[in-house]
C-alpha atoms as a PDB file:
ATOM      1  CA  UNK A   1      74.047  79.388  85.903  1.00  0.00           C
ATOM      2  CA  UNK A   2      76.712  81.157  87.993  1.00  0.00           C
ATOM      3  CA  UNK A   3      80.070  81.814  86.410  1.00  0.00           C
ATOM      4  CA  UNK A   4      83.324  80.385  87.707  1.00  0.00           C
ATOM      5  CA  UNK A   5      84.242  83.842  88.992  1.00  0.00           C
ATOM      6  CA  UNK A   6      80.953  84.165  90.868  1.00  0.00           C
ATOM      7  CA  UNK A   7      81.469  80.733  92.417  1.00  0.00           C
ATOM      8  CA  UNK A   8      84.980  81.703  93.491  1.00  0.00           C
ATOM      9  CA  UNK A   9      83.737  84.932  95.107  1.00  0.00           C
ATOM     10  CA  UNK A  10      81.010  83.076  97.008  1.00  0.00           C
ATOM     11  CA  UNK A  11      83.508  80.461  98.199  1.00  0.00           C
ATOM     12  CA  UNK A  12      86.009  83.125  99.254  1.00  0.00           C
ATOM     13  CA  UNK A  13      83.406  85.113 101.185  1.00  0.00           C
ATOM     14  CA  UNK A  14      82.272  81.972 102.994  1.00  0.00           C
ATOM     15  CA  UNK A  15      85.881  81.134 103.829  1.00  0.00           C
ATOM     16  CA  UNK A  16      86.500  84.618 105.250  1.00  0.00           C
ATOM     17  CA  UNK A  17      83.323  84.491 107.339  1.00  0.00           C
ATOM     18  CA  UNK A  18      84.078  81.020 108.687  1.00  0.00           C
ATOM     19  CA  UNK A  19      87.792  81.666 109.152  1.00  0.00           C
ATOM     20  CA  UNK A  20      87.158  84.842 111.141  1.00  0.00           C
ATOM     21  CA  UNK A  21      85.474  82.727 113.820  1.00  0.00           C
ATOM     22  CA  UNK A  22      88.602  80.604 114.344  1.00  0.00           C
ATOM     23  CA  UNK A  23      92.146  81.106 115.564  1.00  0.00           C
ATOM     24  CA  UNK A  24      94.817  81.676 112.924  1.00  0.00           C
ATOM     25  CA  UNK A  25      96.101  78.103 112.851  1.00  0.00           C
ATOM     26  CA  UNK A  26      92.651  76.595 112.403  1.00  0.00           C
ATOM     27  CA  UNK A  27      91.728  79.251 109.834  1.00  0.00           C
ATOM     28  CA  UNK A  28      94.816  78.406 107.778  1.00  0.00           C
ATOM     29  CA  UNK A  29      93.948  74.714 107.852  1.00  0.00           C
ATOM     30  CA  UNK A  30      90.403  75.577 106.742  1.00  0.00           C
ATOM     31  CA  UNK A  31      91.800  77.717 103.920  1.00  0.00           C
ATOM     32  CA  UNK A  32      93.955  74.840 102.699  1.00  0.00           C
ATOM     33  CA  UNK A  33      91.127  72.334 102.829  1.00  0.00           C
ATOM     34  CA  UNK A  34      88.639  74.565 101.051  1.00  0.00           C
ATOM     35  CA  UNK A  35      91.180  75.770  98.516  1.00  0.00           C
ATOM     36  CA  UNK A  36      92.072  72.214  97.560  1.00  0.00           C
ATOM     37  CA  UNK A  37      88.408  71.203  97.380  1.00  0.00           C
ATOM     38  CA  UNK A  38      87.541  74.215  95.203  1.00  0.00           C
ATOM     39  CA  UNK A  39      90.495  73.619  92.881  1.00  0.00           C
ATOM     40  CA  UNK A  40      89.100  70.167  92.099  1.00  0.00           C
ATOM     41  CA  UNK A  41      85.898  71.785  90.760  1.00  0.00           C
ATOM     42  CA  UNK A  42      87.611  74.219  88.369  1.00  0.00           C
ATOM     43  CA  UNK A  43      87.739  73.552  84.635  1.00  0.00           C
ATOM     44  CA  UNK A  44      91.314  74.373  83.625  1.00  0.00           C
ATOM     45  CA  UNK A  45      90.843  73.416  79.955  1.00  0.00           C
ATOM     46  CA  UNK A  46      90.803  77.012  78.717  1.00  0.00           C
ATOM     47  CA  UNK A  47      93.567  78.312  80.958  1.00  0.00           C
ATOM     48  CA  UNK A  48      96.233  78.181  78.234  1.00  0.00           C
ATOM     49  CA  UNK A  49      94.125  80.232  75.821  1.00  0.00           C
ATOM     50  CA  UNK A  50      93.260  82.777  78.497  1.00  0.00           C
ATOM     51  CA  UNK A  51      96.886  83.137  79.569  1.00  0.00           C
ATOM     52  CA  UNK A  52      98.002  83.642  75.957  1.00  0.00           C
ATOM     53  CA  UNK A  53      95.356  86.341  75.469  1.00  0.00           C
ATOM     54  CA  UNK A  54      96.459  88.117  78.656  1.00  0.00           C
ATOM     55  CA  UNK A  55     100.111  88.005  77.599  1.00  0.00           C
ATOM     56  CA  UNK A  56      99.230  89.365  74.153  1.00  0.00           C
ATOM     57  CA  UNK A  57      97.208  92.197  75.702  1.00  0.00           C
ATOM     58  CA  UNK A  58     100.004  93.008  78.163  1.00  0.00           C
ATOM     59  CA  UNK A  59     102.570  93.195  75.363  1.00  0.00           C
ATOM     60  CA  UNK A  60     100.678  96.020  73.646  1.00  0.00           C
END
């Protein structure tokens, strides 16, 4: 099963490929639509723990 990071990379690459075929305005609209759609698929339940770990590591 692909990781969340792998899914994000695949989605971003597809966005760049598809956006490059459009003018800037249309590409920005596409970015917004896909970004919002992708955000709905993300599991944010562990974000607080991950952020705390990153802050603790950065403080060292």
